[in-house]
Amino acid sequence: MTKSLIIVFVKNIKLGKVKTRLAKTIGNQAAFEVYSELVKITEKATENIAIDKRIYFSDAIIESKWKNQYKAIQKGEDLGERMKNAFKKGFEDGYENIVLIGSDLPDINASYIETGLQTLKTHDVVFGPAIDGGYYLIGMSKMFNSIFDNKPWSQPHLLKVTLNELQQNAVSFGLLEPLNDIDTFEDLQASTFYKSNIKLQHRIAQLND
């Protein structure tokens, strides 16, 4: 067991259930294939970090992903409760620094995750801000339940509201470099991930012909 823990939240890759905002523009099959690629990127970003990992799936455990890692199902009514429960379990099991990431980031790599863990040596909390006003990474060196309670999930002021509350409670936090997650076709088109993936471009064009 390592002192630090990486938690990855993964949506089960089901047709019509992933990237629903993106699917409104490019269709369910294309959105499904985009998300499949993003999950592969996330898996690659975490696989060579020599730190314990826990993979939390939305609905069902997929054994072919993150082989030989701890896997579980997310528990909770909303995203906040699901993240809170995952962090709680990690701290209860003896981990001292925990970071959690999602699985829809085309630019995520090991250095962002490692920088997040490094930041926890001097701060209580760390966030990786997402361009849309949320966050793609959250880390804590001890449990702060309030971060996950009564928050405007999926709203553009989520991070701002969360940081204001932490400042009021004198909780120290660090911020990583902002990244863009993929929610809409505009996000996808703007990403280097898409621009450099000719095969994916052709596939989406084919599906939308």
C-alpha atoms as a PDB file:
ATOM      1  CA  MET A   1       0.000   0.000   0.000  1.00  0.00           C
ATOM      2  CA  THR A   2       1.278   3.482  -0.894  1.00  0.00           C
ATOM      3  CA  LYS A   3       0.611   6.621   1.165  1.00  0.00           C
ATOM      4  CA  SER A   4      -1.095   8.273  -1.795  1.00  0.00           C
ATOM      5  CA  LEU A   5      -4.083   7.108  -3.838  1.00  0.00           C
ATOM      6  CA  ILE A   6      -5.399   7.921  -7.310  1.00  0.00           C
ATOM      7  CA  ILE A   7      -9.149   7.539  -7.833  1.00  0.00           C
ATOM      8  CA  VAL A   8     -10.542   7.438 -11.362  1.00  0.00           C
ATOM      9  CA  PHE A   9     -14.265   7.915 -12.037  1.00  0.00           C
ATOM     10  CA  VAL A  10     -15.374   6.192 -15.228  1.00  0.00           C
ATOM     11  CA  LYS A  11     -18.780   6.171 -16.859  1.00  0.00           C
ATOM     12  CA  ASN A  12     -19.631   2.778 -18.272  1.00  0.00           C
ATOM     13  CA  ILE A  13     -19.301   3.098 -22.040  1.00  0.00           C
ATOM     14  CA  LYS A  14     -22.873   2.477 -23.119  1.00  0.00           C
ATOM     15  CA  LEU A  15     -24.467   3.645 -26.324  1.00  0.00           C
ATOM     16  CA  GLY A  16     -26.732   6.623 -25.621  1.00  0.00           C
ATOM     17  CA  LYS A  17     -25.463   6.996 -22.021  1.00  0.00           C
ATOM     18  CA  VAL A  18     -22.135   8.792 -22.486  1.00  0.00           C
ATOM     19  CA  LYS A  19     -21.387  12.308 -23.704  1.00  0.00           C
ATOM     20  CA  THR A  20     -25.068  13.050 -24.210  1.00  0.00           C
ATOM     21  CA  ARG A  21     -24.498  16.749 -24.963  1.00  0.00           C
ATOM     22  CA  LEU A  22     -21.940  15.817 -27.607  1.00  0.00           C
ATOM     23  CA  ALA A  23     -24.313  13.174 -28.984  1.00  0.00           C
ATOM     24  CA  LYS A  24     -26.937  15.849 -29.738  1.00  0.00           C
ATOM     25  CA  THR A  25     -24.612  17.106 -32.487  1.00  0.00           C
ATOM     26  CA  ILE A  26     -22.757  14.016 -33.719  1.00  0.00           C
ATOM     27  CA  GLY A  27     -25.093  11.185 -32.677  1.00  0.00           C
ATOM     28  CA  ASN A  28     -24.901   8.442 -30.043  1.00  0.00           C
ATOM     29  CA  GLN A  29     -22.523   6.120 -31.914  1.00  0.00           C
ATOM     30  CA  ALA A  30     -19.940   8.855 -32.580  1.00  0.00           C
ATOM     31  CA  ALA A  31     -20.165  10.125 -28.983  1.00  0.00           C
ATOM     32  CA  PHE A  32     -19.702   6.547 -27.781  1.00  0.00           C
ATOM     33  CA  GLU A  33     -16.524   6.214 -29.869  1.00  0.00           C
ATOM     34  CA  VAL A  34     -15.141   9.574 -28.688  1.00  0.00           C
ATOM     35  CA  TYR A  35     -15.654   8.600 -25.043  1.00  0.00           C
ATOM     36  CA  SER A  36     -14.041   5.198 -25.641  1.00  0.00           C
ATOM     37  CA  GLU A  37     -10.924   7.013 -26.881  1.00  0.00           C
ATOM     38  CA  LEU A  38     -10.930   9.353 -23.858  1.00  0.00           C
ATOM     39  CA  VAL A  39     -11.086   6.408 -21.445  1.00  0.00           C
ATOM     40  CA  LYS A  40      -8.041   4.891 -23.190  1.00  0.00           C
ATOM     41  CA  ILE A  41      -6.156   8.185 -22.703  1.00  0.00           C
ATOM     42  CA  THR A  42      -7.077   8.208 -18.997  1.00  0.00           C
ATOM     43  CA  GLU A  43      -5.956   4.621 -18.551  1.00  0.00           C
ATOM     44  CA  LYS A  44      -2.632   5.381 -20.236  1.00  0.00           C
ATOM     45  CA  ALA A  45      -2.123   8.515 -18.077  1.00  0.00           C
ATOM     46  CA  THR A  46      -2.424   6.494 -14.870  1.00  0.00           C
ATOM     47  CA  GLU A  47      -0.888   3.132 -15.734  1.00  0.00           C
ATOM     48  CA  ASN A  48       2.779   3.977 -15.139  1.00  0.00           C
ATOM     49  CA  ILE A  49       2.358   5.941 -11.902  1.00  0.00           C
ATOM     50  CA  ALA A  50       3.626   3.742  -9.070  1.00  0.00           C
ATOM     51  CA  ILE A  51       0.805   4.679  -6.702  1.00  0.00           C
ATOM     52  CA  ASP A  52      -2.271   2.707  -5.634  1.00  0.00           C
ATOM     53  CA  LYS A  53      -5.311   3.236  -7.848  1.00  0.00           C
ATOM     54  CA  ARG A  54      -9.015   2.690  -7.375  1.00  0.00           C
ATOM     55  CA  ILE A  55     -11.296   2.704 -10.391  1.00  0.00           C
ATOM     56  CA  TYR A  56     -14.935   3.543  -9.751  1.00  0.00           C
ATOM     57  CA  PHE A  57     -17.372   2.668 -12.536  1.00  0.00           C
ATOM     58  CA  SER A  58     -20.806   4.265 -12.845  1.00  0.00           C
ATOM     59  CA  ASP A  59     -22.820   1.052 -13.311  1.00  0.00           C
ATOM     60  CA  ALA A  60     -20.798  -2.118 -13.717  1.00  0.00           C
ATOM     61  CA  ILE A  61     -17.178  -3.183 -13.303  1.00  0.00           C
ATOM     62  CA  ILE A  62     -15.334  -3.781 -16.585  1.00  0.00           C
ATOM     63  CA  GLU A  63     -12.524  -6.245 -15.962  1.00  0.00           C
ATOM     64  CA  SER A  64     -10.699  -5.474 -19.237  1.00  0.00           C
ATOM     65  CA  LYS A  65      -9.996  -1.901 -18.084  1.00  0.00           C
ATOM     66  CA  TRP A  66      -7.254  -1.112 -15.545  1.00  0.00           C
ATOM     67  CA  LYS A  67      -6.315  -4.773 -15.141  1.00  0.00           C
ATOM     68  CA  ASN A  68      -5.232  -5.882 -11.663  1.00  0.00           C
ATOM     69  CA  GLN A  69      -6.437  -2.635 -10.041  1.00  0.00           C
ATOM     70  CA  TYR A  70      -9.026  -2.173  -7.298  1.00  0.00           C
ATOM     71  CA  LYS A  71     -12.421  -1.652  -8.935  1.00  0.00           C
ATOM     72  CA  ALA A  72     -15.799  -0.704  -7.470  1.00  0.00           C
ATOM     73  CA  ILE A  73     -19.136   0.892  -8.349  1.00  0.00           C
ATOM     74  CA  GLN A  74     -19.777   4.563  -7.526  1.00  0.00           C
ATOM     75  CA  LYS A  75     -22.268   5.002  -4.670  1.00  0.00           C
ATOM     76  CA  GLY A  76     -24.432   8.059  -4.101  1.00  0.00           C
ATOM     77  CA  GLU A  77     -27.362  10.066  -5.408  1.00  0.00           C
ATOM     78  CA  ASP A  78     -25.341  12.754  -7.193  1.00  0.00           C
ATOM     79  CA  LEU A  79     -21.747  13.339  -8.290  1.00  0.00           C
ATOM     80  CA  GLY A  80     -20.867  15.065  -5.007  1.00  0.00           C
ATOM     81  CA  GLU A  81     -22.056  12.180  -2.884  1.00  0.00           C
ATOM     82  CA  ARG A  82     -20.319   9.639  -5.116  1.00  0.00           C
ATOM     83  CA  MET A  83     -16.994  11.484  -4.902  1.00  0.00           C
ATOM     84  CA  LYS A  84     -17.371  12.027  -1.162  1.00  0.00           C
ATOM     85  CA  ASN A  85     -17.940   8.316  -0.569  1.00  0.00           C
ATOM     86  CA  ALA A  86     -14.870   7.378  -2.638  1.00  0.00           C
ATOM     87  CA  PHE A  87     -12.636   9.830  -0.744  1.00  0.00           C
ATOM     88  CA  LYS A  88     -14.064   8.757   2.615  1.00  0.00           C
ATOM     89  CA  LYS A  89     -13.288   5.107   1.911  1.00  0.00           C
ATOM     90  CA  GLY A  90      -9.752   6.018   0.858  1.00  0.00           C
ATOM     91  CA  PHE A  91      -9.017   7.963   4.034  1.00  0.00           C
ATOM     92  CA  GLU A  92     -10.659   5.291   6.211  1.00  0.00           C
ATOM     93  CA  ASP A  93      -8.360   2.729   4.587  1.00  0.00           C
ATOM     94  CA  GLY A  94      -5.288   4.711   5.616  1.00  0.00           C
ATOM     95  CA  TYR A  95      -4.320   6.786   2.569  1.00  0.00           C
ATOM     96  CA  GLU A  96      -2.882  10.217   3.402  1.00  0.00           C
ATOM     97  CA  ASN A  97      -3.153  12.048   0.062  1.00  0.00           C
ATOM     98  CA  ILE A  98      -5.874  11.309  -2.475  1.00  0.00           C
ATOM     99  CA  VAL A  99      -6.560  12.742  -5.925  1.00  0.00           C
ATOM    100  CA  LEU A 100      -9.595  11.974  -8.074  1.00  0.00           C
ATOM    101  CA  ILE A 101      -9.919  12.498 -11.823  1.00  0.00           C
ATOM    102  CA  GLY A 102     -12.665  11.911 -14.358  1.00  0.00           C
ATOM    103  CA  SER A 103     -12.230  10.169 -17.697  1.00  0.00           C
ATOM    104  CA  ASP A 104     -13.182  12.722 -20.353  1.00  0.00           C
ATOM    105  CA  LEU A 105      -9.940  14.698 -20.579  1.00  0.00           C
ATOM    106  CA  PRO A 106      -8.090  14.507 -23.902  1.00  0.00           C
ATOM    107  CA  ASP A 107      -4.978  16.248 -22.506  1.00  0.00           C
ATOM    108  CA  ILE A 108      -4.595  14.443 -19.182  1.00  0.00           C
ATOM    109  CA  ASN A 109      -1.234  12.811 -18.511  1.00  0.00           C
ATOM    110  CA  ALA A 110       0.765  11.521 -15.564  1.00  0.00           C
ATOM    111  CA  SER A 111       2.415  14.885 -14.818  1.00  0.00           C
ATOM    112  CA  TYR A 112      -0.903  16.588 -13.970  1.00  0.00           C
ATOM    113  CA  ILE A 113      -1.769  13.833 -11.526  1.00  0.00           C
ATOM    114  CA  GLU A 114       1.716  13.807  -9.986  1.00  0.00           C
ATOM    115  CA  THR A 115       1.683  17.628  -9.662  1.00  0.00           C
ATOM    116  CA  GLY A 116      -1.685  17.362  -7.917  1.00  0.00           C
ATOM    117  CA  LEU A 117      -0.266  14.922  -5.376  1.00  0.00           C
ATOM    118  CA  GLN A 118       2.837  17.102  -4.921  1.00  0.00           C
ATOM    119  CA  THR A 119       0.633  20.148  -4.241  1.00  0.00           C
ATOM    120  CA  LEU A 120      -0.997  18.284  -1.342  1.00  0.00           C
ATOM    121  CA  LYS A 121       2.311  18.375   0.528  1.00  0.00           C
ATOM    122  CA  THR A 122       1.798  22.121   1.072  1.00  0.00           C
ATOM    123  CA  HIS A 123      -1.993  22.552   0.707  1.00  0.00           C
ATOM    124  CA  ASP A 124      -5.108  20.938   2.170  1.00  0.00           C
ATOM    125  CA  VAL A 125      -6.870  20.701  -1.196  1.00  0.00           C
ATOM    126  CA  VAL A 126      -5.918  20.878  -4.873  1.00  0.00           C
ATOM    127  CA  PHE A 127      -8.063  21.447  -7.963  1.00  0.00           C
ATOM    128  CA  GLY A 128      -7.405  21.105 -11.660  1.00  0.00           C
ATOM    129  CA  PRO A 129      -9.727  23.771 -13.108  1.00  0.00           C
ATOM    130  CA  ALA A 130     -11.732  22.857 -16.196  1.00  0.00           C
ATOM    131  CA  ILE A 131     -12.258  25.549 -18.837  1.00  0.00           C
ATOM    132  CA  ASP A 132     -16.045  25.245 -18.385  1.00  0.00           C
ATOM    133  CA  GLY A 133     -15.899  26.392 -14.749  1.00  0.00           C
ATOM    134  CA  GLY A 134     -15.828  23.008 -13.052  1.00  0.00           C
ATOM    135  CA  TYR A 135     -12.773  20.905 -12.252  1.00  0.00           C
ATOM    136  CA  TYR A 136     -11.120  17.855 -13.797  1.00  0.00           C
ATOM    137  CA  LEU A 137      -9.092  16.913 -10.709  1.00  0.00           C
ATOM    138  CA  ILE A 138      -9.657  17.250  -6.999  1.00  0.00           C
ATOM    139  CA  GLY A 139      -7.266  16.164  -4.290  1.00  0.00           C
ATOM    140  CA  MET A 140      -7.291  16.324  -0.492  1.00  0.00           C
ATOM    141  CA  SER A 141      -4.838  15.624   2.322  1.00  0.00           C
ATOM    142  CA  LYS A 142      -7.739  15.156   4.750  1.00  0.00           C
ATOM    143  CA  MET A 143     -11.496  14.870   4.449  1.00  0.00           C
ATOM    144  CA  PHE A 144     -13.531  18.024   3.783  1.00  0.00           C
ATOM    145  CA  ASN A 145     -17.143  16.869   3.431  1.00  0.00           C
ATOM    146  CA  SER A 146     -18.442  20.377   2.682  1.00  0.00           C
ATOM    147  CA  ILE A 147     -16.697  20.413  -0.723  1.00  0.00           C
ATOM    148  CA  PHE A 148     -19.232  17.869  -1.938  1.00  0.00           C
ATOM    149  CA  ASP A 149     -22.390  19.117  -0.229  1.00  0.00           C
ATOM    150  CA  ASN A 150     -25.001  21.350  -1.918  1.00  0.00           C
ATOM    151  CA  LYS A 151     -22.858  22.308  -4.885  1.00  0.00           C
ATOM    152  CA  PRO A 152     -24.006  23.424  -8.377  1.00  0.00           C
ATOM    153  CA  TRP A 153     -22.826  20.322 -10.253  1.00  0.00           C
ATOM    154  CA  SER A 154     -22.365  20.752 -14.024  1.00  0.00           C
ATOM    155  CA  GLN A 155     -22.763  24.523 -13.684  1.00  0.00           C
ATOM    156  CA  PRO A 156     -20.166  27.072 -14.874  1.00  0.00           C
ATOM    157  CA  HIS A 157     -19.672  28.545 -11.367  1.00  0.00           C
ATOM    158  CA  LEU A 158     -18.990  25.251  -9.560  1.00  0.00           C
ATOM    159  CA  LEU A 159     -15.292  25.836  -8.887  1.00  0.00           C
ATOM    160  CA  LYS A 160     -15.793  29.504  -7.961  1.00  0.00           C
ATOM    161  CA  VAL A 161     -18.472  28.627  -5.379  1.00  0.00           C
ATOM    162  CA  THR A 162     -16.289  25.834  -3.972  1.00  0.00           C
ATOM    163  CA  LEU A 163     -13.170  28.027  -3.673  1.00  0.00           C
ATOM    164  CA  ASN A 164     -15.111  30.865  -2.018  1.00  0.00           C
ATOM    165  CA  GLU A 165     -16.374  28.454   0.613  1.00  0.00           C
ATOM    166  CA  LEU A 166     -12.872  27.078   1.265  1.00  0.00           C
ATOM    167  CA  GLN A 167     -11.478  30.620   1.642  1.00  0.00           C
ATOM    168  CA  GLN A 168     -14.202  31.471   4.168  1.00  0.00           C
ATOM    169  CA  ASN A 169     -13.229  28.385   6.174  1.00  0.00           C
ATOM    170  CA  ALA A 170      -9.469  29.102   5.924  1.00  0.00           C
ATOM    171  CA  VAL A 171      -8.785  25.872   4.028  1.00  0.00           C
ATOM    172  CA  SER A 172      -5.631  26.164   1.893  1.00  0.00           C
ATOM    173  CA  PHE A 173      -5.840  25.106  -1.749  1.00  0.00           C
ATOM    174  CA  GLY A 174      -3.647  24.968  -4.832  1.00  0.00           C
ATOM    175  CA  LEU A 175      -4.653  25.151  -8.497  1.00  0.00           C
ATOM    176  CA  LEU A 176      -3.195  23.231 -11.424  1.00  0.00           C
ATOM    177  CA  GLU A 177      -3.122  24.304 -15.053  1.00  0.00           C
ATOM    178  CA  PRO A 178      -6.635  24.537 -16.560  1.00  0.00           C
ATOM    179  CA  LEU A 179      -7.671  21.852 -19.053  1.00  0.00           C
ATOM    180  CA  ASN A 180     -10.639  21.450 -21.354  1.00  0.00           C
ATOM    181  CA  ASP A 181     -12.912  18.450 -21.031  1.00  0.00           C
ATOM    182  CA  ILE A 182     -15.081  17.310 -23.927  1.00  0.00           C
ATOM    183  CA  ASP A 183     -18.770  18.056 -23.453  1.00  0.00           C
ATOM    184  CA  THR A 184     -19.820  19.591 -26.782  1.00  0.00           C
ATOM    185  CA  PHE A 185     -18.814  19.299 -30.446  1.00  0.00           C
ATOM    186  CA  GLU A 186     -17.133  22.716 -30.137  1.00  0.00           C
ATOM    187  CA  ASP A 187     -14.978  21.326 -27.286  1.00  0.00           C
ATOM    188  CA  LEU A 188     -14.092  18.347 -29.450  1.00  0.00           C
ATOM    189  CA  GLN A 189     -13.205  20.428 -32.517  1.00  0.00           C
ATOM    190  CA  ALA A 190     -10.979  22.734 -30.437  1.00  0.00           C
ATOM    191  CA  SER A 191      -8.988  19.874 -28.915  1.00  0.00           C
ATOM    192  CA  THR A 192      -5.567  18.751 -30.129  1.00  0.00           C
ATOM    193  CA  PHE A 193      -6.802  15.221 -29.426  1.00  0.00           C
ATOM    194  CA  TYR A 194      -9.384  15.556 -32.220  1.00  0.00           C
ATOM    195  CA  LYS A 195      -7.255  17.611 -34.612  1.00  0.00           C
ATOM    196  CA  SER A 196      -4.482  15.008 -34.488  1.00  0.00           C
ATOM    197  CA  ASN A 197      -6.787  11.971 -34.694  1.00  0.00           C
ATOM    198  CA  ILE A 198      -7.555  11.721 -38.424  1.00  0.00           C
ATOM    199  CA  LYS A 199      -9.068   8.269 -37.988  1.00  0.00           C
ATOM    200  CA  LEU A 200     -11.601   9.596 -35.467  1.00  0.00           C
ATOM    201  CA  GLN A 201     -12.426  12.595 -37.682  1.00  0.00           C
ATOM    202  CA  HIS A 202     -13.135  10.285 -40.625  1.00  0.00           C
ATOM    203  CA  ARG A 203     -15.216   7.979 -38.437  1.00  0.00           C
ATOM    204  CA  ILE A 204     -17.392  10.826 -37.146  1.00  0.00           C
ATOM    205  CA  ALA A 205     -17.822  12.188 -40.696  1.00  0.00           C
ATOM    206  CA  GLN A 206     -18.761   8.706 -41.883  1.00  0.00           C
ATOM    207  CA  LEU A 207     -21.345   8.307 -39.113  1.00  0.00           C
ATOM    208  CA  ASN A 208     -22.855  11.710 -39.881  1.00  0.00           C
ATOM    209  CA  ASP A 209     -22.852  11.427 -43.674  1.00  0.00           C
END
